[in-house]
Amino acid sequence: MTHRQRIDLIAAHLREHKYADLHTLATRFDGSLSTVRRALDELESLGIARRHHGGASLVETDALAQEYDFSTRNQRQTAEKLAIARIIADQVEPGMTVILDGGTTTYSVAHLLAEKRLQVITNSIPIASLFAEIGAVDTTVTGGSIYRRLGVLVGPLCDQSFETTHADLAILGGTGLTEQGIWNHNPLLASGQRKMIAAAERTIFGLDNSKFGRKAQTLTSPFEARHTIVTDRRPPPAVAQAIAAAGAKLVLAGK
């Protein structure tokens, strides 16, 4: 297979699947990881693909599609996400069993956890790919169907993966934060998050200030005493009061 043929095949694969990790592309198109990286670099220069650690996503031109695209979201609020991620990562001790969902803030946390000796359970293909390439994390990936825009596994098989799981900590994201609780734009994502919350002793949500006041399609969870909300700015008074009334904890990054 020539380099040009491989590039064309990878481009076609991304157009169909929206997201692909390096290992899948290398296996499918008979190339080394370095060969695939070079192909993705060229596709990125052509505006077809967007590279991120462990894989690539199709560049979407539709604004609504970009709202739910992993790589697009991963480039938003980057400073805020990193500040939140550092606070969360400090709560994780070696030897813990940790659940990580597929959010972009959670992905930032994963980078900071890579050198810790942990047991991680995740439904995120980007996070699993990250840990496959670097670090000391022992990673278990759930079953499920691929939600392509975010590169996460969802559905009954994903949910079942957590029904017999126990974790010390779940680290999750969300689409919105209101006085009612944490919201997500997709019912399948919210269902998986509820199973993660139930499987963990406690849950930390990483939510930057762009999520304040946003209601999405599904309420993932009201606030609970086992919840910690880590954000970069004090939320509106009604939200802060609801968090306190539920016995949950509010932590401001950098404070």
C-alpha atoms as a PDB file:
ATOM      1  CA  MET A   1       0.000   0.000   0.000  1.00  0.00           C
ATOM      2  CA  THR A   2       1.375   3.403  -0.960  1.00  0.00           C
ATOM      3  CA  HIS A   3       1.419   6.381   1.376  1.00  0.00           C
ATOM      4  CA  ARG A   4      -1.208   8.138  -0.781  1.00  0.00           C
ATOM      5  CA  GLN A   5      -3.499   5.111  -0.721  1.00  0.00           C
ATOM      6  CA  ARG A   6      -3.199   4.850   3.064  1.00  0.00           C
ATOM      7  CA  ILE A   7      -4.052   8.529   3.488  1.00  0.00           C
ATOM      8  CA  ASP A   8      -7.134   8.174   1.266  1.00  0.00           C
ATOM      9  CA  LEU A   9      -8.311   5.085   3.157  1.00  0.00           C
ATOM     10  CA  ILE A  10      -7.813   6.737   6.555  1.00  0.00           C
ATOM     11  CA  ALA A  11      -9.726   9.804   5.351  1.00  0.00           C
ATOM     12  CA  ALA A  12     -12.594   7.580   4.211  1.00  0.00           C
ATOM     13  CA  HIS A  13     -12.556   5.759   7.545  1.00  0.00           C
ATOM     14  CA  LEU A  14     -12.757   9.042   9.469  1.00  0.00           C
ATOM     15  CA  ARG A  15     -15.615  10.288   7.304  1.00  0.00           C
ATOM     16  CA  GLU A  16     -17.561   7.134   8.151  1.00  0.00           C
ATOM     17  CA  HIS A  17     -16.654   6.753  11.830  1.00  0.00           C
ATOM     18  CA  LYS A  18     -15.877  10.374  12.846  1.00  0.00           C
ATOM     19  CA  TYR A  19     -13.166   9.209  15.282  1.00  0.00           C
ATOM     20  CA  ALA A  20     -10.389   6.600  15.223  1.00  0.00           C
ATOM     21  CA  ASP A  21      -7.496   5.751  17.511  1.00  0.00           C
ATOM     22  CA  LEU A  22      -3.952   5.163  16.285  1.00  0.00           C
ATOM     23  CA  HIS A  23      -3.869   1.437  17.061  1.00  0.00           C
ATOM     24  CA  THR A  24      -7.085   0.775  15.127  1.00  0.00           C
ATOM     25  CA  LEU A  25      -5.811   2.675  12.089  1.00  0.00           C
ATOM     26  CA  ALA A  26      -2.411   0.970  12.186  1.00  0.00           C
ATOM     27  CA  THR A  27      -4.011  -2.488  12.330  1.00  0.00           C
ATOM     28  CA  ARG A  28      -6.699  -1.780   9.733  1.00  0.00           C
ATOM     29  CA  PHE A  29      -4.418  -0.137   7.200  1.00  0.00           C
ATOM     30  CA  ASP A  30      -1.259  -2.186   7.722  1.00  0.00           C
ATOM     31  CA  GLY A  31       1.068   0.506   8.994  1.00  0.00           C
ATOM     32  CA  SER A  32       3.185   1.394  12.000  1.00  0.00           C
ATOM     33  CA  LEU A  33       2.050   3.961  14.543  1.00  0.00           C
ATOM     34  CA  SER A  34       4.588   6.440  13.170  1.00  0.00           C
ATOM     35  CA  THR A  35       3.275   5.885   9.623  1.00  0.00           C
ATOM     36  CA  VAL A  36      -0.284   6.527  10.769  1.00  0.00           C
ATOM     37  CA  ARG A  37       0.781   9.646  12.651  1.00  0.00           C
ATOM     38  CA  ARG A  38       2.382  11.036   9.477  1.00  0.00           C
ATOM     39  CA  ALA A  39      -0.794  10.309   7.519  1.00  0.00           C
ATOM     40  CA  LEU A  40      -2.923  12.039  10.138  1.00  0.00           C
ATOM     41  CA  ASP A  41      -0.575  15.023  10.183  1.00  0.00           C
ATOM     42  CA  GLU A  42      -1.088  15.397   6.439  1.00  0.00           C
ATOM     43  CA  LEU A  43      -4.869  15.061   6.768  1.00  0.00           C
ATOM     44  CA  GLU A  44      -4.821  17.711   9.479  1.00  0.00           C
ATOM     45  CA  SER A  45      -2.864  20.066   7.227  1.00  0.00           C
ATOM     46  CA  LEU A  46      -5.569  19.545   4.591  1.00  0.00           C
ATOM     47  CA  GLY A  47      -8.301  20.413   7.085  1.00  0.00           C
ATOM     48  CA  ILE A  48      -9.826  16.924   6.993  1.00  0.00           C
ATOM     49  CA  ALA A  49      -8.741  15.584  10.392  1.00  0.00           C
ATOM     50  CA  ARG A  50      -8.021  17.052  13.795  1.00  0.00           C
ATOM     51  CA  ARG A  51      -5.167  15.353  15.653  1.00  0.00           C
ATOM     52  CA  HIS A  52      -5.223  14.739  19.378  1.00  0.00           C
ATOM     53  CA  HIS A  53      -3.320  12.383  21.637  1.00  0.00           C
ATOM     54  CA  GLY A  54      -3.992   8.770  20.702  1.00  0.00           C
ATOM     55  CA  GLY A  55      -5.977   9.345  17.526  1.00  0.00           C
ATOM     56  CA  ALA A  56      -7.871  11.777  15.342  1.00  0.00           C
ATOM     57  CA  SER A  57     -11.372  13.039  14.630  1.00  0.00           C
ATOM     58  CA  LEU A  58     -13.042  14.191  11.456  1.00  0.00           C
ATOM     59  CA  VAL A  59     -13.231  17.965  11.182  1.00  0.00           C
ATOM     60  CA  GLU A  60     -16.920  18.832  11.257  1.00  0.00           C
ATOM     61  CA  THR A  61     -18.147  21.947   9.472  1.00  0.00           C
ATOM     62  CA  ASP A  62     -21.591  21.885  11.073  1.00  0.00           C
ATOM     63  CA  ALA A  63     -21.691  24.110  14.182  1.00  0.00           C
ATOM     64  CA  LEU A  64     -24.118  21.878  16.066  1.00  0.00           C
ATOM     65  CA  ALA A  65     -21.992  18.832  15.341  1.00  0.00           C
ATOM     66  CA  GLN A  66     -18.933  20.634  16.676  1.00  0.00           C
ATOM     67  CA  GLU A  67     -20.710  21.233  19.979  1.00  0.00           C
ATOM     68  CA  TYR A  68     -20.577  17.500  20.585  1.00  0.00           C
ATOM     69  CA  ASP A  69     -17.244  16.737  18.893  1.00  0.00           C
ATOM     70  CA  PHE A  70     -14.497  15.579  21.270  1.00  0.00           C
ATOM     71  CA  SER A  71     -11.576  17.331  19.643  1.00  0.00           C
ATOM     72  CA  THR A  72     -13.465  20.613  19.209  1.00  0.00           C
ATOM     73  CA  ARG A  73     -14.591  20.618  22.824  1.00  0.00           C
ATOM     74  CA  ASN A  74     -11.109  19.618  23.947  1.00  0.00           C
ATOM     75  CA  GLN A  75      -9.765  22.934  22.597  1.00  0.00           C
ATOM     76  CA  ARG A  76     -12.246  25.071  24.547  1.00  0.00           C
ATOM     77  CA  GLN A  77     -11.649  26.534  28.014  1.00  0.00           C
ATOM     78  CA  THR A  78      -8.226  24.860  28.062  1.00  0.00           C
ATOM     79  CA  ALA A  79      -6.737  26.910  30.918  1.00  0.00           C
ATOM     80  CA  GLU A  80      -9.836  26.403  33.046  1.00  0.00           C
ATOM     81  CA  LYS A  81      -9.882  22.667  32.354  1.00  0.00           C
ATOM     82  CA  LEU A  82      -6.228  22.302  33.318  1.00  0.00           C
ATOM     83  CA  ALA A  83      -6.737  24.171  36.605  1.00  0.00           C
ATOM     84  CA  ILE A  84      -9.725  21.951  37.414  1.00  0.00           C
ATOM     85  CA  ALA A  85      -7.831  18.818  36.362  1.00  0.00           C
ATOM     86  CA  ARG A  86      -4.948  19.583  38.732  1.00  0.00           C
ATOM     87  CA  ILE A  87      -7.319  19.888  41.694  1.00  0.00           C
ATOM     88  CA  ILE A  88      -8.996  16.591  40.805  1.00  0.00           C
ATOM     89  CA  ALA A  89      -5.759  14.711  40.130  1.00  0.00           C
ATOM     90  CA  ASP A  90      -4.489  15.667  43.586  1.00  0.00           C
ATOM     91  CA  GLN A  91      -7.417  13.718  45.067  1.00  0.00           C
ATOM     92  CA  VAL A  92      -6.280  10.487  43.421  1.00  0.00           C
ATOM     93  CA  GLU A  93      -3.877   8.342  45.428  1.00  0.00           C
ATOM     94  CA  PRO A  94      -1.746   5.451  44.110  1.00  0.00           C
ATOM     95  CA  GLY A  95      -3.504   2.111  44.380  1.00  0.00           C
ATOM     96  CA  MET A  96      -6.997   3.531  43.911  1.00  0.00           C
ATOM     97  CA  THR A  97      -9.582   2.118  41.532  1.00  0.00           C
ATOM     98  CA  VAL A  98     -10.886   5.069  39.528  1.00  0.00           C
ATOM     99  CA  ILE A  99     -13.701   5.422  36.986  1.00  0.00           C
ATOM    100  CA  LEU A 100     -13.111   8.009  34.238  1.00  0.00           C
ATOM    101  CA  ASP A 101     -15.839   9.043  31.822  1.00  0.00           C
ATOM    102  CA  GLY A 102     -15.351  10.444  28.324  1.00  0.00           C
ATOM    103  CA  GLY A 103     -15.438  14.195  28.956  1.00  0.00           C
ATOM    104  CA  THR A 104     -12.703  16.533  27.818  1.00  0.00           C
ATOM    105  CA  THR A 105     -12.005  17.783  31.352  1.00  0.00           C
ATOM    106  CA  THR A 106     -11.696  14.152  32.422  1.00  0.00           C
ATOM    107  CA  TYR A 107      -9.238  13.651  29.564  1.00  0.00           C
ATOM    108  CA  SER A 108      -7.132  16.464  31.022  1.00  0.00           C
ATOM    109  CA  VAL A 109      -7.227  14.678  34.379  1.00  0.00           C
ATOM    110  CA  ALA A 110      -6.118  11.445  32.707  1.00  0.00           C
ATOM    111  CA  HIS A 111      -2.925  13.119  31.476  1.00  0.00           C
ATOM    112  CA  LEU A 112      -2.055  14.021  35.070  1.00  0.00           C
ATOM    113  CA  LEU A 113      -2.765  10.503  36.326  1.00  0.00           C
ATOM    114  CA  ALA A 114      -0.705   8.645  33.745  1.00  0.00           C
ATOM    115  CA  GLU A 115       2.327   8.062  35.981  1.00  0.00           C
ATOM    116  CA  LYS A 116       0.331   6.965  39.041  1.00  0.00           C
ATOM    117  CA  ARG A 117      -0.180   3.274  39.694  1.00  0.00           C
ATOM    118  CA  LEU A 118      -3.945   2.979  39.451  1.00  0.00           C
ATOM    119  CA  GLN A 119      -6.713   0.691  38.331  1.00  0.00           C
ATOM    120  CA  VAL A 120      -8.793   2.708  35.859  1.00  0.00           C
ATOM    121  CA  ILE A 121     -12.139   1.761  34.356  1.00  0.00           C
ATOM    122  CA  THR A 122     -13.254   3.910  31.439  1.00  0.00           C
ATOM    123  CA  ASN A 123     -15.701   4.092  28.556  1.00  0.00           C
ATOM    124  CA  SER A 124     -13.473   6.607  26.749  1.00  0.00           C
ATOM    125  CA  ILE A 125     -11.482   5.447  23.733  1.00  0.00           C
ATOM    126  CA  PRO A 126      -9.193   8.532  23.816  1.00  0.00           C
ATOM    127  CA  ILE A 127      -8.387   7.908  27.494  1.00  0.00           C
ATOM    128  CA  ALA A 128      -7.788   4.190  26.915  1.00  0.00           C
ATOM    129  CA  SER A 129      -5.500   5.051  23.982  1.00  0.00           C
ATOM    130  CA  LEU A 130      -3.615   7.557  26.115  1.00  0.00           C
ATOM    131  CA  PHE A 131      -2.945   4.992  28.843  1.00  0.00           C
ATOM    132  CA  ALA A 132      -2.006   2.364  26.246  1.00  0.00           C
ATOM    133  CA  GLU A 133       0.841   4.591  25.064  1.00  0.00           C
ATOM    134  CA  ILE A 134       2.154   6.134  28.276  1.00  0.00           C
ATOM    135  CA  GLY A 135       2.147   5.692  32.020  1.00  0.00           C
ATOM    136  CA  ALA A 136       1.686   2.999  34.617  1.00  0.00           C
ATOM    137  CA  VAL A 137      -2.115   2.786  34.730  1.00  0.00           C
ATOM    138  CA  ASP A 138      -3.814  -0.616  34.546  1.00  0.00           C
ATOM    139  CA  THR A 139      -6.810   0.107  32.306  1.00  0.00           C
ATOM    140  CA  THR A 140     -10.113  -1.703  31.821  1.00  0.00           C
ATOM    141  CA  VAL A 141     -12.394  -0.570  28.999  1.00  0.00           C
ATOM    142  CA  THR A 142     -16.152  -1.115  29.202  1.00  0.00           C
ATOM    143  CA  GLY A 143     -18.253  -2.731  26.524  1.00  0.00           C
ATOM    144  CA  GLY A 144     -20.804  -0.789  24.556  1.00  0.00           C
ATOM    145  CA  SER A 145     -21.574   0.908  21.266  1.00  0.00           C
ATOM    146  CA  ILE A 146     -19.320   3.742  20.101  1.00  0.00           C
ATOM    147  CA  TYR A 147     -20.755   7.239  20.365  1.00  0.00           C
ATOM    148  CA  ARG A 148     -18.531   8.480  17.604  1.00  0.00           C
ATOM    149  CA  ARG A 149     -18.472  12.216  18.170  1.00  0.00           C
ATOM    150  CA  LEU A 150     -16.907  11.841  21.598  1.00  0.00           C
ATOM    151  CA  GLY A 151     -15.197   8.481  21.159  1.00  0.00           C
ATOM    152  CA  VAL A 152     -17.029   6.941  24.133  1.00  0.00           C
ATOM    153  CA  LEU A 153     -18.821   3.646  24.660  1.00  0.00           C
ATOM    154  CA  VAL A 154     -22.498   3.801  25.626  1.00  0.00           C
ATOM    155  CA  GLY A 155     -25.596   1.641  25.891  1.00  0.00           C
ATOM    156  CA  PRO A 156     -26.644  -1.471  27.814  1.00  0.00           C
ATOM    157  CA  LEU A 157     -23.256  -3.215  27.632  1.00  0.00           C
ATOM    158  CA  CYS A 158     -21.539  -0.143  29.022  1.00  0.00           C
ATOM    159  CA  ASP A 159     -24.120   0.195  31.808  1.00  0.00           C
ATOM    160  CA  GLN A 160     -23.780  -3.496  32.708  1.00  0.00           C
ATOM    161  CA  SER A 161     -20.021  -3.114  33.006  1.00  0.00           C
ATOM    162  CA  PHE A 162     -20.539  -0.980  36.123  1.00  0.00           C
ATOM    163  CA  GLU A 163     -23.227  -3.071  37.802  1.00  0.00           C
ATOM    164  CA  THR A 164     -20.637  -5.469  39.261  1.00  0.00           C
ATOM    165  CA  THR A 165     -17.894  -2.854  39.650  1.00  0.00           C
ATOM    166  CA  HIS A 166     -16.654  -1.106  42.776  1.00  0.00           C
ATOM    167  CA  ALA A 167     -14.411   1.957  42.593  1.00  0.00           C
ATOM    168  CA  ASP A 168     -12.942   4.307  45.144  1.00  0.00           C
ATOM    169  CA  LEU A 169     -13.654   7.316  42.974  1.00  0.00           C
ATOM    170  CA  ALA A 170     -15.541   8.304  39.815  1.00  0.00           C
ATOM    171  CA  ILE A 171     -14.362  11.354  37.875  1.00  0.00           C
ATOM    172  CA  LEU A 172     -17.005  12.699  35.527  1.00  0.00           C
ATOM    173  CA  GLY A 173     -17.856  15.701  33.391  1.00  0.00           C
ATOM    174  CA  GLY A 174     -21.144  17.136  32.207  1.00  0.00           C
ATOM    175  CA  THR A 175     -22.847  19.495  29.797  1.00  0.00           C
ATOM    176  CA  GLY A 176     -24.579  21.731  32.306  1.00  0.00           C
ATOM    177  CA  LEU A 177     -24.716  22.747  35.964  1.00  0.00           C
ATOM    178  CA  THR A 178     -27.888  24.226  37.483  1.00  0.00           C
ATOM    179  CA  GLU A 179     -29.553  24.189  40.887  1.00  0.00           C
ATOM    180  CA  GLN A 180     -31.226  20.912  39.822  1.00  0.00           C
ATOM    181  CA  GLY A 181     -27.889  19.159  39.402  1.00  0.00           C
ATOM    182  CA  ILE A 182     -25.620  17.993  36.570  1.00  0.00           C
ATOM    183  CA  TRP A 183     -26.958  17.642  33.024  1.00  0.00           C
ATOM    184  CA  ASN A 184     -25.882  15.795  29.890  1.00  0.00           C
ATOM    185  CA  HIS A 185     -26.984  16.270  26.300  1.00  0.00           C
ATOM    186  CA  ASN A 186     -27.382  12.549  25.541  1.00  0.00           C
ATOM    187  CA  PRO A 187     -29.565  10.095  27.533  1.00  0.00           C
ATOM    188  CA  LEU A 188     -27.166   7.205  26.874  1.00  0.00           C
ATOM    189  CA  LEU A 189     -24.235   9.184  28.242  1.00  0.00           C
ATOM    190  CA  ALA A 190     -26.284  10.188  31.280  1.00  0.00           C
ATOM    191  CA  SER A 191     -27.355   6.582  31.895  1.00  0.00           C
ATOM    192  CA  GLY A 192     -23.735   5.435  31.892  1.00  0.00           C
ATOM    193  CA  GLN A 193     -22.752   8.210  34.267  1.00  0.00           C
ATOM    194  CA  ARG A 194     -25.487   7.188  36.718  1.00  0.00           C
ATOM    195  CA  LYS A 195     -24.049   3.664  36.767  1.00  0.00           C
ATOM    196  CA  MET A 196     -20.583   5.097  37.381  1.00  0.00           C
ATOM    197  CA  ILE A 197     -21.854   7.193  40.290  1.00  0.00           C
ATOM    198  CA  ALA A 198     -23.560   4.143  41.819  1.00  0.00           C
ATOM    199  CA  ALA A 199     -20.397   2.045  41.487  1.00  0.00           C
ATOM    200  CA  ALA A 200     -18.104   4.537  43.227  1.00  0.00           C
ATOM    201  CA  GLU A 201     -17.658   5.463  46.859  1.00  0.00           C
ATOM    202  CA  ARG A 202     -17.608   9.110  45.846  1.00  0.00           C
ATOM    203  CA  THR A 203     -17.800  11.166  42.660  1.00  0.00           C
ATOM    204  CA  ILE A 204     -15.975  14.273  41.509  1.00  0.00           C
ATOM    205  CA  PHE A 205     -17.463  16.354  38.699  1.00  0.00           C
ATOM    206  CA  GLY A 206     -15.111  18.641  36.779  1.00  0.00           C
ATOM    207  CA  LEU A 207     -17.174  21.476  35.258  1.00  0.00           C
ATOM    208  CA  ASP A 208     -15.801  24.767  33.963  1.00  0.00           C
ATOM    209  CA  ASN A 209     -17.763  28.022  34.131  1.00  0.00           C
ATOM    210  CA  SER A 210     -19.159  27.625  30.593  1.00  0.00           C
ATOM    211  CA  LYS A 211     -21.479  24.940  32.029  1.00  0.00           C
ATOM    212  CA  PHE A 212     -23.153  27.277  34.526  1.00  0.00           C
ATOM    213  CA  GLY A 213     -26.888  27.642  34.016  1.00  0.00           C
ATOM    214  CA  ARG A 214     -26.990  25.239  31.083  1.00  0.00           C
ATOM    215  CA  LYS A 215     -29.772  22.662  30.960  1.00  0.00           C
ATOM    216  CA  ALA A 216     -29.315  19.838  28.485  1.00  0.00           C
ATOM    217  CA  GLN A 217     -31.623  17.022  27.438  1.00  0.00           C
ATOM    218  CA  THR A 218     -31.118  14.812  30.486  1.00  0.00           C
ATOM    219  CA  LEU A 219     -30.546  15.433  34.177  1.00  0.00           C
ATOM    220  CA  THR A 220     -27.721  13.051  34.987  1.00  0.00           C
ATOM    221  CA  SER A 221     -27.970  13.449  38.739  1.00  0.00           C
ATOM    222  CA  PRO A 222     -29.127  15.841  41.432  1.00  0.00           C
ATOM    223  CA  PHE A 223     -26.464  16.785  43.953  1.00  0.00           C
ATOM    224  CA  GLU A 224     -25.639  14.227  46.646  1.00  0.00           C
ATOM    225  CA  ALA A 225     -23.495  14.226  49.762  1.00  0.00           C
ATOM    226  CA  ARG A 226     -21.000  11.925  48.015  1.00  0.00           C
ATOM    227  CA  HIS A 227     -20.440  14.511  45.253  1.00  0.00           C
ATOM    228  CA  THR A 228     -17.683  17.081  44.881  1.00  0.00           C
ATOM    229  CA  ILE A 229     -18.060  19.781  42.251  1.00  0.00           C
ATOM    230  CA  VAL A 230     -14.741  21.248  41.078  1.00  0.00           C
ATOM    231  CA  THR A 231     -14.955  24.363  38.948  1.00  0.00           C
ATOM    232  CA  ASP A 232     -12.859  27.424  38.109  1.00  0.00           C
ATOM    233  CA  ARG A 233     -15.295  30.136  39.219  1.00  0.00           C
ATOM    234  CA  ARG A 234     -17.972  30.460  41.895  1.00  0.00           C
ATOM    235  CA  PRO A 235     -21.290  29.391  40.358  1.00  0.00           C
ATOM    236  CA  PRO A 236     -24.487  31.466  40.640  1.00  0.00           C
ATOM    237  CA  PRO A 237     -25.836  31.721  44.211  1.00  0.00           C
ATOM    238  CA  ALA A 238     -28.792  29.392  43.550  1.00  0.00           C
ATOM    239  CA  VAL A 239     -26.431  26.665  42.338  1.00  0.00           C
ATOM    240  CA  ALA A 240     -23.975  27.120  45.219  1.00  0.00           C
ATOM    241  CA  GLN A 241     -26.866  26.997  47.694  1.00  0.00           C
ATOM    242  CA  ALA A 242     -28.257  23.808  46.127  1.00  0.00           C
ATOM    243  CA  ILE A 243     -24.838  22.139  46.339  1.00  0.00           C
ATOM    244  CA  ALA A 244     -24.503  23.074  50.024  1.00  0.00           C
ATOM    245  CA  ALA A 245     -28.089  22.029  50.834  1.00  0.00           C
ATOM    246  CA  ALA A 246     -27.444  18.551  49.439  1.00  0.00           C
ATOM    247  CA  GLY A 247     -24.306  18.162  51.568  1.00  0.00           C
ATOM    248  CA  ALA A 248     -22.123  18.108  48.464  1.00  0.00           C
ATOM    249  CA  LYS A 249     -18.775  19.889  48.323  1.00  0.00           C
ATOM    250  CA  LEU A 250     -17.844  22.816  46.097  1.00  0.00           C
ATOM    251  CA  VAL A 251     -14.154  23.370  45.297  1.00  0.00           C
ATOM    252  CA  LEU A 252     -12.848  26.315  43.279  1.00  0.00           C
ATOM    253  CA  ALA A 253      -9.662  25.736  41.291  1.00  0.00           C
ATOM    254  CA  GLY A 254      -6.950  28.157  42.267  1.00  0.00           C
ATOM    255  CA  LYS A 255      -8.669  29.111  45.528  1.00  0.00           C
END
